[in-house]
């Protein structure tokens, strides 16, 4: 919620929007993800 955090996330998004993100710490192989902007908050369909 802080302005500092919001600006950080905007910066990260503008660098990673083209990437296929994954979670190497999961024991089972996870799928790939994209970082997107959505009108809906976490917990709802994108």
ModelCIF file with pLDDT and N, C-alpha, C, O atoms, coordinates in Angstrom:
data_MODEL
#
_entry.id   MODEL 
#
_entity.id                         1 
_entity.type                       polymer 
_entity.pdbx_number_of_molecules   1 
#
_entity_poly.entity_id                      1 
_entity_poly.type                           'polypeptide(L)' 
_entity_poly.nstd_linkage                   no 
_entity_poly.nstd_monomer                   no 
_entity_poly.pdbx_seq_one_letter_code       
;(UNK)(UNK)(UNK)(UNK)(UNK)(UNK)(UNK)(UNK)(UNK)(UNK)(UNK)(UNK)(UNK)(UNK)(UNK)(UNK)
(UNK)(UNK)(UNK)(UNK)(UNK)(UNK)(UNK)(UNK)(UNK)(UNK)(UNK)(UNK)(UNK)(UNK)(UNK)(UNK)
(UNK)(UNK)(UNK)(UNK)(UNK)(UNK)(UNK)(UNK)(UNK)(UNK)(UNK)(UNK)(UNK)(UNK)
;
_entity_poly.pdbx_seq_one_letter_code_can   XXXXXXXXXXXXXXXXXXXXXXXXXXXXXXXXXXXXXXXXXXXXXX 
_entity_poly.pdbx_strand_id                 A 
#
loop_
_entity_poly_seq.entity_id 
_entity_poly_seq.num 
_entity_poly_seq.mon_id 
_entity_poly_seq.hetero 
1 1  UNK n 
1 2  UNK n 
1 3  UNK n 
1 4  UNK n 
1 5  UNK n 
1 6  UNK n 
1 7  UNK n 
1 8  UNK n 
1 9  UNK n 
1 10 UNK n 
1 11 UNK n 
1 12 UNK n 
1 13 UNK n 
1 14 UNK n 
1 15 UNK n 
1 16 UNK n 
1 17 UNK n 
1 18 UNK n 
1 19 UNK n 
1 20 UNK n 
1 21 UNK n 
1 22 UNK n 
1 23 UNK n 
1 24 UNK n 
1 25 UNK n 
1 26 UNK n 
1 27 UNK n 
1 28 UNK n 
1 29 UNK n 
1 30 UNK n 
1 31 UNK n 
1 32 UNK n 
1 33 UNK n 
1 34 UNK n 
1 35 UNK n 
1 36 UNK n 
1 37 UNK n 
1 38 UNK n 
1 39 UNK n 
1 40 UNK n 
1 41 UNK n 
1 42 UNK n 
1 43 UNK n 
1 44 UNK n 
1 45 UNK n 
1 46 UNK n 
#
_struct_asym.id          A 
_struct_asym.entity_id   1 
#
loop_
_ma_qa_metric.id 
_ma_qa_metric.mode 
_ma_qa_metric.name 
_ma_qa_metric.software_group_id 
_ma_qa_metric.type 
1 global pLDDT . pLDDT 
2 local  pLDDT . pLDDT 
#
_ma_qa_metric_global.metric_id      1 
_ma_qa_metric_global.metric_value   94.26 
_ma_qa_metric_global.model_id       1 
_ma_qa_metric_global.ordinal_id     1 
#
loop_
_ma_qa_metric_local.label_asym_id 
_ma_qa_metric_local.label_comp_id 
_ma_qa_metric_local.label_seq_id 
_ma_qa_metric_local.metric_id 
_ma_qa_metric_local.metric_value 
_ma_qa_metric_local.model_id 
_ma_qa_metric_local.ordinal_id 
A UNK 1  2 96.00 1 1  
A UNK 2  2 97.00 1 2  
A UNK 3  2 98.00 1 3  
A UNK 4  2 97.00 1 4  
A UNK 5  2 98.00 1 5  
A UNK 6  2 98.00 1 6  
A UNK 7  2 98.00 1 7  
A UNK 8  2 98.00 1 8  
A UNK 9  2 98.00 1 9  
A UNK 10 2 98.00 1 10 
A UNK 11 2 98.00 1 11 
A UNK 12 2 98.00 1 12 
A UNK 13 2 98.00 1 13 
A UNK 14 2 96.00 1 14 
A UNK 15 2 95.00 1 15 
A UNK 16 2 96.00 1 16 
A UNK 17 2 95.00 1 17 
A UNK 18 2 93.00 1 18 
A UNK 19 2 95.00 1 19 
A UNK 20 2 95.00 1 20 
A UNK 21 2 96.00 1 21 
A UNK 22 2 95.00 1 22 
A UNK 23 2 96.00 1 23 
A UNK 24 2 94.00 1 24 
A UNK 25 2 94.00 1 25 
A UNK 26 2 92.00 1 26 
A UNK 27 2 78.00 1 27 
A UNK 28 2 73.00 1 28 
A UNK 29 2 74.00 1 29 
A UNK 30 2 78.00 1 30 
A UNK 31 2 89.00 1 31 
A UNK 32 2 95.00 1 32 
A UNK 33 2 96.00 1 33 
A UNK 34 2 97.00 1 34 
A UNK 35 2 98.00 1 35 
A UNK 36 2 98.00 1 36 
A UNK 37 2 98.00 1 37 
A UNK 38 2 97.00 1 38 
A UNK 39 2 96.00 1 39 
A UNK 40 2 97.00 1 40 
A UNK 41 2 97.00 1 41 
A UNK 42 2 96.00 1 42 
A UNK 43 2 94.00 1 43 
A UNK 44 2 95.00 1 44 
A UNK 45 2 93.00 1 45 
A UNK 46 2 95.00 1 46 
#
loop_
_atom_site.group_PDB 
_atom_site.id 
_atom_site.type_symbol 
_atom_site.label_atom_id 
_atom_site.label_alt_id 
_atom_site.label_comp_id 
_atom_site.label_asym_id 
_atom_site.label_entity_id 
_atom_site.label_seq_id 
_atom_site.pdbx_PDB_ins_code 
_atom_site.Cartn_x 
_atom_site.Cartn_y 
_atom_site.Cartn_z 
_atom_site.occupancy 
_atom_site.B_iso_or_equiv 
_atom_site.pdbx_formal_charge 
_atom_site.auth_seq_id 
_atom_site.auth_comp_id 
_atom_site.auth_asym_id 
_atom_site.auth_atom_id 
_atom_site.pdbx_PDB_model_num 
ATOM 1   N N  . UNK A 1 1  ? 0.797   -1.230  0.000   1.00 96.00 ? 1  UNK A N  1 
ATOM 2   C CA . UNK A 1 1  ? 0.000   0.000   0.000   1.00 96.00 ? 1  UNK A CA 1 
ATOM 3   C C  . UNK A 1 1  ? 0.830   1.281   0.000   1.00 96.00 ? 1  UNK A C  1 
ATOM 4   O O  . UNK A 1 1  ? 0.331   2.323   -0.426  1.00 96.00 ? 1  UNK A O  1 
ATOM 5   N N  . UNK A 1 2  ? 2.072   1.241   0.460   1.00 97.00 ? 2  UNK A N  1 
ATOM 6   C CA . UNK A 1 2  ? 2.869   2.464   0.544   1.00 97.00 ? 2  UNK A CA 1 
ATOM 7   C C  . UNK A 1 2  ? 3.258   2.952   -0.846  1.00 97.00 ? 2  UNK A C  1 
ATOM 8   O O  . UNK A 1 2  ? 3.321   2.168   -1.793  1.00 97.00 ? 2  UNK A O  1 
ATOM 9   N N  . UNK A 1 3  ? 3.519   4.254   -0.964  1.00 98.00 ? 3  UNK A N  1 
ATOM 10  C CA . UNK A 1 3  ? 3.955   4.808   -2.250  1.00 98.00 ? 3  UNK A CA 1 
ATOM 11  C C  . UNK A 1 3  ? 5.278   4.190   -2.689  1.00 98.00 ? 3  UNK A C  1 
ATOM 12  O O  . UNK A 1 3  ? 5.512   3.971   -3.877  1.00 98.00 ? 3  UNK A O  1 
ATOM 13  N N  . UNK A 1 4  ? 6.134   3.915   -1.714  1.00 97.00 ? 4  UNK A N  1 
ATOM 14  C CA . UNK A 1 4  ? 7.422   3.297   -2.014  1.00 97.00 ? 4  UNK A CA 1 
ATOM 15  C C  . UNK A 1 4  ? 7.206   1.920   -2.664  1.00 97.00 ? 4  UNK A C  1 
ATOM 16  O O  . UNK A 1 4  ? 7.836   1.590   -3.669  1.00 97.00 ? 4  UNK A O  1 
ATOM 17  N N  . UNK A 1 5  ? 6.310   1.132   -2.074  1.00 98.00 ? 5  UNK A N  1 
ATOM 18  C CA . UNK A 1 5  ? 6.036   -0.204  -2.602  1.00 98.00 ? 5  UNK A CA 1 
ATOM 19  C C  . UNK A 1 5  ? 5.361   -0.132  -3.967  1.00 98.00 ? 5  UNK A C  1 
ATOM 20  O O  . UNK A 1 5  ? 5.661   -0.932  -4.853  1.00 98.00 ? 5  UNK A O  1 
ATOM 21  N N  . UNK A 1 6  ? 4.451   0.822   -4.141  1.00 98.00 ? 6  UNK A N  1 
ATOM 22  C CA . UNK A 1 6  ? 3.751   0.947   -5.423  1.00 98.00 ? 6  UNK A CA 1 
ATOM 23  C C  . UNK A 1 6  ? 4.704   1.327   -6.552  1.00 98.00 ? 6  UNK A C  1 
ATOM 24  O O  . UNK A 1 6  ? 4.592   0.818   -7.667  1.00 98.00 ? 6  UNK A O  1 
ATOM 25  N N  . UNK A 1 7  ? 5.640   2.223   -6.253  1.00 98.00 ? 7  UNK A N  1 
ATOM 26  C CA . UNK A 1 7  ? 6.602   2.628   -7.279  1.00 98.00 ? 7  UNK A CA 1 
ATOM 27  C C  . UNK A 1 7  ? 7.554   1.481   -7.594  1.00 98.00 ? 7  UNK A C  1 
ATOM 28  O O  . UNK A 1 7  ? 7.907   1.277   -8.755  1.00 98.00 ? 7  UNK A O  1 
ATOM 29  N N  . UNK A 1 8  ? 7.972   0.736   -6.587  1.00 98.00 ? 8  UNK A N  1 
ATOM 30  C CA . UNK A 1 8  ? 8.814   -0.438  -6.812  1.00 98.00 ? 8  UNK A CA 1 
ATOM 31  C C  . UNK A 1 8  ? 8.116   -1.436  -7.729  1.00 98.00 ? 8  UNK A C  1 
ATOM 32  O O  . UNK A 1 8  ? 8.722   -1.936  -8.676  1.00 98.00 ? 8  UNK A O  1 
ATOM 33  N N  . UNK A 1 9  ? 6.847   -1.728  -7.456  1.00 98.00 ? 9  UNK A N  1 
ATOM 34  C CA . UNK A 1 9  ? 6.120   -2.720  -8.247  1.00 98.00 ? 9  UNK A CA 1 
ATOM 35  C C  . UNK A 1 9  ? 5.937   -2.260  -9.686  1.00 98.00 ? 9  UNK A C  1 
ATOM 36  O O  . UNK A 1 9  ? 6.006   -3.065  -10.615 1.00 98.00 ? 9  UNK A O  1 
ATOM 37  N N  . UNK A 1 10 ? 5.703   -0.970  -9.869  1.00 98.00 ? 10 UNK A N  1 
ATOM 38  C CA . UNK A 1 10 ? 5.581   -0.446  -11.234 1.00 98.00 ? 10 UNK A CA 1 
ATOM 39  C C  . UNK A 1 10 ? 6.899   -0.626  -11.975 1.00 98.00 ? 10 UNK A C  1 
ATOM 40  O O  . UNK A 1 10 ? 6.906   -0.997  -13.149 1.00 98.00 ? 10 UNK A O  1 
ATOM 41  N N  . UNK A 1 11 ? 8.002   -0.367  -11.304 1.00 98.00 ? 11 UNK A N  1 
ATOM 42  C CA . UNK A 1 11 ? 9.323   -0.515  -11.907 1.00 98.00 ? 11 UNK A CA 1 
ATOM 43  C C  . UNK A 1 11 ? 9.578   -1.982  -12.280 1.00 98.00 ? 11 UNK A C  1 
ATOM 44  O O  . UNK A 1 11 ? 10.043  -2.276  -13.382 1.00 98.00 ? 11 UNK A O  1 
ATOM 45  N N  . UNK A 1 12 ? 9.273   -2.890  -11.363 1.00 98.00 ? 12 UNK A N  1 
ATOM 46  C CA . UNK A 1 12 ? 9.487   -4.313  -11.610 1.00 98.00 ? 12 UNK A CA 1 
ATOM 47  C C  . UNK A 1 12 ? 8.592   -4.792  -12.755 1.00 98.00 ? 12 UNK A C  1 
ATOM 48  O O  . UNK A 1 12 ? 9.045   -5.524  -13.635 1.00 98.00 ? 12 UNK A O  1 
ATOM 49  N N  . UNK A 1 13 ? 7.326   -4.380  -12.741 1.00 98.00 ? 13 UNK A N  1 
ATOM 50  C CA . UNK A 1 13 ? 6.398   -4.812  -13.793 1.00 98.00 ? 13 UNK A CA 1 
ATOM 51  C C  . UNK A 1 13 ? 6.889   -4.389  -15.170 1.00 98.00 ? 13 UNK A C  1 
ATOM 52  O O  . UNK A 1 13 ? 6.814   -5.172  -16.118 1.00 98.00 ? 13 UNK A O  1 
ATOM 53  N N  . UNK A 1 14 ? 7.386   -3.174  -15.296 1.00 96.00 ? 14 UNK A N  1 
ATOM 54  C CA . UNK A 1 14 ? 7.803   -2.681  -16.606 1.00 96.00 ? 14 UNK A CA 1 
ATOM 55  C C  . UNK A 1 14 ? 9.068   -3.374  -17.108 1.00 96.00 ? 14 UNK A C  1 
ATOM 56  O O  . UNK A 1 14 ? 9.442   -3.227  -18.271 1.00 96.00 ? 14 UNK A O  1 
ATOM 57  N N  . UNK A 1 15 ? 9.724   -4.130  -16.225 1.00 95.00 ? 15 UNK A N  1 
ATOM 58  C CA . UNK A 1 15 ? 10.874  -4.927  -16.654 1.00 95.00 ? 15 UNK A CA 1 
ATOM 59  C C  . UNK A 1 15 ? 10.506  -6.394  -16.873 1.00 95.00 ? 15 UNK A C  1 
ATOM 60  O O  . UNK A 1 15 ? 11.133  -7.065  -17.692 1.00 95.00 ? 15 UNK A O  1 
ATOM 61  N N  . UNK A 1 16 ? 9.502   -6.904  -16.157 1.00 96.00 ? 16 UNK A N  1 
ATOM 62  C CA . UNK A 1 16 ? 9.220   -8.333  -16.182 1.00 96.00 ? 16 UNK A CA 1 
ATOM 63  C C  . UNK A 1 16 ? 7.970   -8.710  -16.965 1.00 96.00 ? 16 UNK A C  1 
ATOM 64  O O  . UNK A 1 16 ? 7.637   -9.892  -17.039 1.00 96.00 ? 16 UNK A O  1 
ATOM 65  N N  . UNK A 1 17 ? 7.267   -7.745  -17.550 1.00 95.00 ? 17 UNK A N  1 
ATOM 66  C CA . UNK A 1 17 ? 6.012   -8.064  -18.226 1.00 95.00 ? 17 UNK A CA 1 
ATOM 67  C C  . UNK A 1 17 ? 6.207   -9.056  -19.358 1.00 95.00 ? 17 UNK A C  1 
ATOM 68  O O  . UNK A 1 17 ? 5.260   -9.748  -19.734 1.00 95.00 ? 17 UNK A O  1 
ATOM 69  N N  . UNK A 1 18 ? 7.404   -9.144  -19.907 1.00 93.00 ? 18 UNK A N  1 
ATOM 70  C CA . UNK A 1 18 ? 7.674   -10.036 -21.032 1.00 93.00 ? 18 UNK A CA 1 
ATOM 71  C C  . UNK A 1 18 ? 8.203   -11.386 -20.579 1.00 93.00 ? 18 UNK A C  1 
ATOM 72  O O  . UNK A 1 18 ? 8.386   -12.280 -21.405 1.00 93.00 ? 18 UNK A O  1 
ATOM 73  N N  . UNK A 1 19 ? 8.456   -11.556 -19.276 1.00 95.00 ? 19 UNK A N  1 
ATOM 74  C CA . UNK A 1 19 ? 9.080   -12.770 -18.767 1.00 95.00 ? 19 UNK A CA 1 
ATOM 75  C C  . UNK A 1 19 ? 8.083   -13.879 -18.456 1.00 95.00 ? 19 UNK A C  1 
ATOM 76  O O  . UNK A 1 19 ? 6.901   -13.625 -18.225 1.00 95.00 ? 19 UNK A O  1 
ATOM 77  N N  . UNK A 1 20 ? 8.579   -15.109 -18.454 1.00 95.00 ? 20 UNK A N  1 
ATOM 78  C CA . UNK A 1 20 ? 7.825   -16.265 -17.981 1.00 95.00 ? 20 UNK A CA 1 
ATOM 79  C C  . UNK A 1 20 ? 8.320   -16.581 -16.570 1.00 95.00 ? 20 UNK A C  1 
ATOM 80  O O  . UNK A 1 20 ? 9.414   -17.117 -16.396 1.00 95.00 ? 20 UNK A O  1 
ATOM 81  N N  . UNK A 1 21 ? 7.523   -16.253 -15.582 1.00 96.00 ? 21 UNK A N  1 
ATOM 82  C CA . UNK A 1 21 ? 7.930   -16.348 -14.183 1.00 96.00 ? 21 UNK A CA 1 
ATOM 83  C C  . UNK A 1 21 ? 7.622   -17.734 -13.628 1.00 96.00 ? 21 UNK A C  1 
ATOM 84  O O  . UNK A 1 21 ? 6.603   -18.340 -13.959 1.00 96.00 ? 21 UNK A O  1 
ATOM 85  N N  . UNK A 1 22 ? 8.532   -18.227 -12.770 1.00 95.00 ? 22 UNK A N  1 
ATOM 86  C CA . UNK A 1 22 ? 8.311   -19.548 -12.170 1.00 95.00 ? 22 UNK A CA 1 
ATOM 87  C C  . UNK A 1 22 ? 8.860   -19.559 -10.751 1.00 95.00 ? 22 UNK A C  1 
ATOM 88  O O  . UNK A 1 22 ? 9.567   -18.635 -10.347 1.00 95.00 ? 22 UNK A O  1 
ATOM 89  N N  . UNK A 1 23 ? 8.535   -20.608 -9.995  1.00 96.00 ? 23 UNK A N  1 
ATOM 90  C CA . UNK A 1 23 ? 8.872   -20.690 -8.576  1.00 96.00 ? 23 UNK A CA 1 
ATOM 91  C C  . UNK A 1 23 ? 9.806   -21.885 -8.336  1.00 96.00 ? 23 UNK A C  1 
ATOM 92  O O  . UNK A 1 23 ? 9.327   -23.006 -8.163  1.00 96.00 ? 23 UNK A O  1 
ATOM 93  N N  . UNK A 1 24 ? 11.108  -21.672 -8.324  1.00 94.00 ? 24 UNK A N  1 
ATOM 94  C CA . UNK A 1 24 ? 12.053  -22.788 -8.206  1.00 94.00 ? 24 UNK A CA 1 
ATOM 95  C C  . UNK A 1 24 ? 12.047  -23.463 -6.836  1.00 94.00 ? 24 UNK A C  1 
ATOM 96  O O  . UNK A 1 24 ? 12.554  -24.577 -6.705  1.00 94.00 ? 24 UNK A O  1 
ATOM 97  N N  . UNK A 1 25 ? 11.487  -22.820 -5.817  1.00 94.00 ? 25 UNK A N  1 
ATOM 98  C CA . UNK A 1 25 ? 11.516  -23.398 -4.475  1.00 94.00 ? 25 UNK A CA 1 
ATOM 99  C C  . UNK A 1 25 ? 10.434  -24.459 -4.261  1.00 94.00 ? 25 UNK A C  1 
ATOM 100 O O  . UNK A 1 25 ? 10.485  -25.201 -3.280  1.00 94.00 ? 25 UNK A O  1 
ATOM 101 N N  . UNK A 1 26 ? 9.472   -24.538 -5.156  1.00 92.00 ? 26 UNK A N  1 
ATOM 102 C CA . UNK A 1 26 ? 8.431   -25.548 -5.003  1.00 92.00 ? 26 UNK A CA 1 
ATOM 103 C C  . UNK A 1 26 ? 8.997   -26.931 -5.324  1.00 92.00 ? 26 UNK A C  1 
ATOM 104 O O  . UNK A 1 26 ? 9.747   -27.098 -6.285  1.00 92.00 ? 26 UNK A O  1 
ATOM 105 N N  . UNK A 1 27 ? 8.634   -27.901 -4.522  1.00 78.00 ? 27 UNK A N  1 
ATOM 106 C CA . UNK A 1 27 ? 9.152   -29.258 -4.735  1.00 78.00 ? 27 UNK A CA 1 
ATOM 107 C C  . UNK A 1 27 ? 8.622   -29.848 -6.042  1.00 78.00 ? 27 UNK A C  1 
ATOM 108 O O  . UNK A 1 27 ? 9.358   -30.508 -6.777  1.00 78.00 ? 27 UNK A O  1 
ATOM 109 N N  . UNK A 1 28 ? 7.363   -29.609 -6.319  1.00 73.00 ? 28 UNK A N  1 
ATOM 110 C CA . UNK A 1 28 ? 6.812   -30.044 -7.599  1.00 73.00 ? 28 UNK A CA 1 
ATOM 111 C C  . UNK A 1 28 ? 6.970   -28.900 -8.597  1.00 73.00 ? 28 UNK A C  1 
ATOM 112 O O  . UNK A 1 28 ? 6.843   -27.731 -8.232  1.00 73.00 ? 28 UNK A O  1 
ATOM 113 N N  . UNK A 1 29 ? 7.240   -29.231 -9.828  1.00 74.00 ? 29 UNK A N  1 
ATOM 114 C CA . UNK A 1 29 ? 7.445   -28.193 -10.840 1.00 74.00 ? 29 UNK A CA 1 
ATOM 115 C C  . UNK A 1 29 ? 6.175   -27.371 -11.021 1.00 74.00 ? 29 UNK A C  1 
ATOM 116 O O  . UNK A 1 29 ? 5.106   -27.912 -11.304 1.00 74.00 ? 29 UNK A O  1 
ATOM 117 N N  . UNK A 1 30 ? 6.306   -26.060 -10.855 1.00 78.00 ? 30 UNK A N  1 
ATOM 118 C CA . UNK A 1 30 ? 5.161   -25.186 -11.070 1.00 78.00 ? 30 UNK A CA 1 
ATOM 119 C C  . UNK A 1 30 ? 5.081   -24.809 -12.539 1.00 78.00 ? 30 UNK A C  1 
ATOM 120 O O  . UNK A 1 30 ? 6.035   -24.987 -13.296 1.00 78.00 ? 30 UNK A O  1 
ATOM 121 N N  . UNK A 1 31 ? 3.940   -24.290 -12.923 1.00 89.00 ? 31 UNK A N  1 
ATOM 122 C CA . UNK A 1 31 ? 3.822   -23.770 -14.268 1.00 89.00 ? 31 UNK A CA 1 
ATOM 123 C C  . UNK A 1 31 ? 4.453   -22.398 -14.356 1.00 89.00 ? 31 UNK A C  1 
ATOM 124 O O  . UNK A 1 31 ? 4.963   -21.877 -13.364 1.00 89.00 ? 31 UNK A O  1 
ATOM 125 N N  . UNK A 1 32 ? 4.422   -21.812 -15.537 1.00 95.00 ? 32 UNK A N  1 
ATOM 126 C CA . UNK A 1 32 ? 4.935   -20.461 -15.734 1.00 95.00 ? 32 UNK A CA 1 
ATOM 127 C C  . UNK A 1 32 ? 3.800   -19.456 -15.578 1.00 95.00 ? 32 UNK A C  1 
ATOM 128 O O  . UNK A 1 32 ? 2.628   -19.769 -15.787 1.00 95.00 ? 32 UNK A O  1 
ATOM 129 N N  . UNK A 1 33 ? 4.187   -18.238 -15.205 1.00 96.00 ? 33 UNK A N  1 
ATOM 130 C CA . UNK A 1 33 ? 3.222   -17.172 -14.971 1.00 96.00 ? 33 UNK A CA 1 
ATOM 131 C C  . UNK A 1 33 ? 3.673   -15.896 -15.666 1.00 96.00 ? 33 UNK A C  1 
ATOM 132 O O  . UNK A 1 33 ? 4.855   -15.711 -15.955 1.00 96.00 ? 33 UNK A O  1 
ATOM 133 N N  . UNK A 1 34 ? 2.710   -15.021 -15.929 1.00 97.00 ? 34 UNK A N  1 
ATOM 134 C CA . UNK A 1 34 ? 2.985   -13.688 -16.447 1.00 97.00 ? 34 UNK A CA 1 
ATOM 135 C C  . UNK A 1 34 ? 2.561   -12.671 -15.399 1.00 97.00 ? 34 UNK A C  1 
ATOM 136 O O  . UNK A 1 34 ? 1.556   -12.857 -14.713 1.00 97.00 ? 34 UNK A O  1 
ATOM 137 N N  . UNK A 1 35 ? 3.332   -11.596 -15.279 1.00 98.00 ? 35 UNK A N  1 
ATOM 138 C CA . UNK A 1 35 ? 2.933   -10.503 -14.408 1.00 98.00 ? 35 UNK A CA 1 
ATOM 139 C C  . UNK A 1 35 ? 2.089   -9.536  -15.229 1.00 98.00 ? 35 UNK A C  1 
ATOM 140 O O  . UNK A 1 35 ? 2.553   -8.998  -16.234 1.00 98.00 ? 35 UNK A O  1 
ATOM 141 N N  . UNK A 1 36 ? 0.853   -9.317  -14.800 1.00 98.00 ? 36 UNK A N  1 
ATOM 142 C CA . UNK A 1 36 ? -0.079  -8.483  -15.553 1.00 98.00 ? 36 UNK A CA 1 
ATOM 143 C C  . UNK A 1 36 ? -0.717  -7.461  -14.618 1.00 98.00 ? 36 UNK A C  1 
ATOM 144 O O  . UNK A 1 36 ? -0.614  -7.565  -13.395 1.00 98.00 ? 36 UNK A O  1 
ATOM 145 N N  . UNK A 1 37 ? -1.371  -6.484  -15.210 1.00 98.00 ? 37 UNK A N  1 
ATOM 146 C CA . UNK A 1 37 ? -2.186  -5.535  -14.445 1.00 98.00 ? 37 UNK A CA 1 
ATOM 147 C C  . UNK A 1 37 ? -3.645  -5.929  -14.606 1.00 98.00 ? 37 UNK A C  1 
ATOM 148 O O  . UNK A 1 37 ? -4.094  -6.243  -15.708 1.00 98.00 ? 37 UNK A O  1 
ATOM 149 N N  . UNK A 1 38 ? -4.384  -5.910  -13.500 1.00 97.00 ? 38 UNK A N  1 
ATOM 150 C CA . UNK A 1 38 ? -5.759  -6.374  -13.507 1.00 97.00 ? 38 UNK A CA 1 
ATOM 151 C C  . UNK A 1 38 ? -6.645  -5.404  -12.737 1.00 97.00 ? 38 UNK A C  1 
ATOM 152 O O  . UNK A 1 38 ? -6.202  -4.762  -11.784 1.00 97.00 ? 38 UNK A O  1 
ATOM 153 N N  . UNK A 1 39 ? -7.894  -5.307  -13.160 1.00 96.00 ? 39 UNK A N  1 
ATOM 154 C CA . UNK A 1 39 ? -8.872  -4.503  -12.419 1.00 96.00 ? 39 UNK A CA 1 
ATOM 155 C C  . UNK A 1 39 ? -9.287  -5.195  -11.122 1.00 96.00 ? 39 UNK A C  1 
ATOM 156 O O  . UNK A 1 39 ? -9.817  -4.561  -10.209 1.00 96.00 ? 39 UNK A O  1 
ATOM 157 N N  . UNK A 1 40 ? -9.040  -6.496  -11.055 1.00 97.00 ? 40 UNK A N  1 
ATOM 158 C CA . UNK A 1 40 ? -9.502  -7.275  -9.902  1.00 97.00 ? 40 UNK A CA 1 
ATOM 159 C C  . UNK A 1 40 ? -8.355  -7.575  -8.944  1.00 97.00 ? 40 UNK A C  1 
ATOM 160 O O  . UNK A 1 40 ? -7.221  -7.779  -9.379  1.00 97.00 ? 40 UNK A O  1 
ATOM 161 N N  . UNK A 1 41 ? -8.643  -7.604  -7.630  1.00 97.00 ? 41 UNK A N  1 
ATOM 162 C CA . UNK A 1 41 ? -7.595  -7.843  -6.626  1.00 97.00 ? 41 UNK A CA 1 
ATOM 163 C C  . UNK A 1 41 ? -7.270  -9.322  -6.489  1.00 97.00 ? 41 UNK A C  1 
ATOM 164 O O  . UNK A 1 41 ? -7.987  -10.167 -7.026  1.00 97.00 ? 41 UNK A O  1 
ATOM 165 N N  . UNK A 1 42 ? -6.189  -9.646  -5.770  1.00 96.00 ? 42 UNK A N  1 
ATOM 166 C CA . UNK A 1 42 ? -5.880  -11.047 -5.484  1.00 96.00 ? 42 UNK A CA 1 
ATOM 167 C C  . UNK A 1 42 ? -7.080  -11.745 -4.848  1.00 96.00 ? 42 UNK A C  1 
ATOM 168 O O  . UNK A 1 42 ? -7.782  -11.178 -4.010  1.00 96.00 ? 42 UNK A O  1 
ATOM 169 N N  . UNK A 1 43 ? -7.294  -12.981 -5.268  1.00 94.00 ? 43 UNK A N  1 
ATOM 170 C CA . UNK A 1 43 ? -8.445  -13.725 -4.771  1.00 94.00 ? 43 UNK A CA 1 
ATOM 171 C C  . UNK A 1 43 ? -9.598  -13.753 -5.731  1.00 94.00 ? 43 UNK A C  1 
ATOM 172 O O  . UNK A 1 43 ? -10.543 -14.520 -5.545  1.00 94.00 ? 43 UNK A O  1 
ATOM 173 N N  . UNK A 1 44 ? -9.540  -12.917 -6.772  1.00 95.00 ? 44 UNK A N  1 
ATOM 174 C CA . UNK A 1 44 ? -10.576 -12.915 -7.792  1.00 95.00 ? 44 UNK A CA 1 
ATOM 175 C C  . UNK A 1 44 ? -9.954  -13.251 -9.142  1.00 95.00 ? 44 UNK A C  1 
ATOM 176 O O  . UNK A 1 44 ? -8.742  -13.134 -9.325  1.00 95.00 ? 44 UNK A O  1 
ATOM 177 N N  . UNK A 1 45 ? -10.800 -13.672 -10.088 1.00 93.00 ? 45 UNK A N  1 
ATOM 178 C CA . UNK A 1 45 ? -10.303 -13.976 -11.425 1.00 93.00 ? 45 UNK A CA 1 
ATOM 179 C C  . UNK A 1 45 ? -9.666  -12.732 -12.036 1.00 93.00 ? 45 UNK A C  1 
ATOM 180 O O  . UNK A 1 45 ? -10.167 -11.621 -11.866 1.00 93.00 ? 45 UNK A O  1 
ATOM 181 N N  . UNK A 1 46 ? -8.565  -12.925 -12.745 1.00 95.00 ? 46 UNK A N  1 
ATOM 182 C CA . UNK A 1 46 ? -7.860  -11.808 -13.369 1.00 95.00 ? 46 UNK A CA 1 
ATOM 183 C C  . UNK A 1 46 ? -8.725  -11.172 -14.450 1.00 95.00 ? 46 UNK A C  1 
ATOM 184 O O  . UNK A 1 46 ? -8.302  -10.211 -15.092 1.00 95.00 ? 46 UNK A O  1 
#
